[in-house]
Amino acid sequence: MAETTLYKSHPAMFRNHPVGFILSLILVLAFGLGLIILLIWWIQIKGTTLVVTDERVSLRRGILSRHTNDVYHTDIRNVQISQGFLQRLFDVGSIGVASSGHAGIEIAVNGLPDPLQIKEIIDQYRKQNR
């Protein structure tokens, strides 16, 4: 039976760092340097993807090279959500997933849209797979 993708997203640029985004735009207008900053930032964002399926949570990083980290729902010990003040206003945040096989956080991503929804999906499938 094939896995069903329940959530797939890249970190947000503006919503996660609105001040940095605006400063980069100002640098584009003033010196052109901001264009390089925005381009590098955009490549990093597009190269980071969090995928939640009905079986696992996967973090994929990289465009030219690829790094993938999977944690199956049955192995998840802890899901952490962290949101600063601006992140709460823009409904983005950091998510950390710890498995029973590691001492610390195994998957960590900053700036994901709707982190509470991600946690709810993971928690729902953790309960179903136990």
Protein backbone atom coordinates (compact mmCIF):
# COMPACT_ATOMS: atom_id res chain seq x y z
CA MET A 1 0.00 0.00 0.00
CA ALA A 2 1.41 3.38 -0.99
CA GLU A 3 2.05 6.15 1.51
CA THR A 4 -0.29 9.12 1.48
CA THR A 5 1.25 12.58 1.76
CA LEU A 6 -0.61 14.56 4.44
CA TYR A 7 1.57 17.68 4.58
CA LYS A 8 4.39 19.01 2.41
CA SER A 9 5.95 22.43 2.71
CA HIS A 10 9.07 24.56 2.51
CA PRO A 11 9.95 27.12 5.18
CA ALA A 12 8.46 30.57 4.60
CA MET A 13 10.73 33.48 3.67
CA PHE A 14 8.78 36.64 4.47
CA ARG A 15 6.52 35.22 7.19
CA ASN A 16 9.44 33.68 9.07
CA HIS A 17 11.81 36.66 8.87
CA PRO A 18 9.82 39.74 7.78
CA VAL A 19 12.44 42.22 9.00
CA GLY A 20 15.27 40.39 7.22
CA PHE A 21 13.19 40.15 4.06
CA ILE A 22 12.41 43.88 4.07
CA LEU A 23 16.05 44.76 4.78
CA SER A 24 17.12 42.57 1.85
CA LEU A 25 14.66 44.38 -0.42
CA ILE A 26 16.04 47.73 0.74
CA LEU A 27 19.56 46.49 -0.04
CA VAL A 28 18.37 45.48 -3.51
CA LEU A 29 17.13 49.00 -4.14
CA ALA A 30 20.16 50.70 -2.59
CA PHE A 31 23.14 48.56 -3.57
CA GLY A 32 22.02 45.44 -5.43
CA LEU A 33 23.64 43.32 -2.69
CA GLY A 34 20.23 42.29 -1.38
CA LEU A 35 19.52 40.43 -4.62
CA ILE A 36 22.36 38.01 -3.87
CA ILE A 37 21.15 37.60 -0.28
CA LEU A 38 17.58 36.92 -1.45
CA LEU A 39 18.75 34.47 -4.11
CA ILE A 40 20.86 32.44 -1.66
CA TRP A 41 18.05 32.52 0.90
CA TRP A 42 15.49 31.39 -1.71
CA ILE A 43 17.72 28.49 -2.82
CA GLN A 44 18.08 27.37 0.80
CA ILE A 45 14.31 27.57 1.32
CA LYS A 46 13.51 25.63 -1.85
CA GLY A 47 16.10 23.02 -0.90
CA THR A 48 14.40 22.30 2.44
CA THR A 49 11.17 20.30 2.46
CA LEU A 50 9.25 18.72 5.33
CA VAL A 51 6.94 15.90 4.29
CA VAL A 52 4.50 14.18 6.64
CA THR A 53 2.91 10.99 5.36
CA ASP A 54 0.64 8.51 7.06
CA GLU A 55 3.76 6.47 7.95
CA ARG A 56 6.63 8.90 8.60
CA VAL A 57 8.04 12.40 8.85
CA SER A 58 10.78 13.21 6.30
CA LEU A 59 13.12 16.17 6.13
CA ARG A 60 14.78 16.65 2.76
CA ARG A 61 17.61 19.14 2.32
CA GLY A 62 19.66 20.09 -0.69
CA ILE A 63 19.28 20.90 -4.34
CA LEU A 64 22.46 19.59 -5.95
CA SER A 65 23.23 17.14 -3.17
CA ARG A 66 20.51 15.49 -1.11
CA HIS A 67 20.19 14.71 2.59
CA THR A 68 17.06 12.93 3.81
CA ASN A 69 16.13 12.12 7.39
CA ASP A 70 13.08 9.92 8.07
CA VAL A 71 11.37 9.17 11.38
CA TYR A 72 8.52 6.68 11.40
CA HIS A 73 5.45 7.63 13.44
CA THR A 74 5.85 4.53 15.60
CA ASP A 75 9.33 5.76 16.64
CA ILE A 76 8.42 9.37 17.47
CA ARG A 77 8.95 10.14 21.14
CA ASN A 78 8.48 13.91 21.16
CA VAL A 79 7.28 16.73 18.87
CA GLN A 80 8.34 20.27 19.82
CA ILE A 81 6.88 23.51 18.48
CA SER A 82 8.57 26.86 19.00
CA GLN A 83 7.23 30.25 17.90
CA GLY A 84 8.54 33.72 18.61
CA PHE A 85 6.23 36.73 18.77
CA LEU A 86 6.46 37.62 15.06
CA GLN A 87 6.26 33.97 14.10
CA ARG A 88 2.99 33.63 16.03
CA LEU A 89 1.60 36.70 14.27
CA PHE A 90 2.46 35.22 10.86
CA ASP A 91 1.55 31.62 11.85
CA VAL A 92 4.97 30.09 11.25
CA GLY A 93 7.33 28.36 13.64
CA SER A 94 9.97 25.77 14.31
CA ILE A 95 9.25 22.09 14.67
CA GLY A 96 11.46 19.43 16.20
CA VAL A 97 10.87 15.69 16.08
CA ALA A 98 12.68 13.32 18.43
CA SER A 99 12.66 9.57 18.02
CA SER A 100 13.14 6.84 20.55
CA GLY A 101 16.42 5.86 18.88
CA HIS A 102 18.24 9.20 19.44
CA ALA A 103 18.98 11.32 22.48
CA GLY A 104 18.14 14.67 20.88
CA ILE A 105 16.03 16.19 18.14
CA GLU A 106 16.39 14.21 14.95
CA ILE A 107 14.42 16.49 12.61
CA ALA A 108 14.46 20.26 13.12
CA VAL A 109 13.06 22.87 10.72
CA ASN A 110 12.56 26.59 11.26
CA GLY A 111 9.94 28.76 9.59
CA LEU A 112 7.28 26.25 8.60
CA PRO A 113 3.74 27.48 7.97
CA ASP A 114 1.12 26.33 10.49
CA PRO A 115 3.34 24.31 12.86
CA LEU A 116 0.42 23.37 15.12
CA GLN A 117 -1.31 21.67 12.19
CA ILE A 118 1.87 19.66 11.53
CA LYS A 119 1.99 18.56 15.17
CA GLU A 120 -1.69 17.57 15.12
CA ILE A 121 -1.18 15.43 11.99
CA ILE A 122 1.86 13.73 13.50
CA ASP A 123 0.10 13.13 16.83
CA GLN A 124 -2.95 11.67 15.08
CA TYR A 125 -0.86 9.12 13.16
CA ARG A 126 1.37 8.37 16.17
CA LYS A 127 -1.76 7.25 18.03
CA GLN A 128 -3.08 5.22 15.10
CA ASN A 129 0.22 3.37 14.59
CA ARG A 130 0.69 2.30 18.22
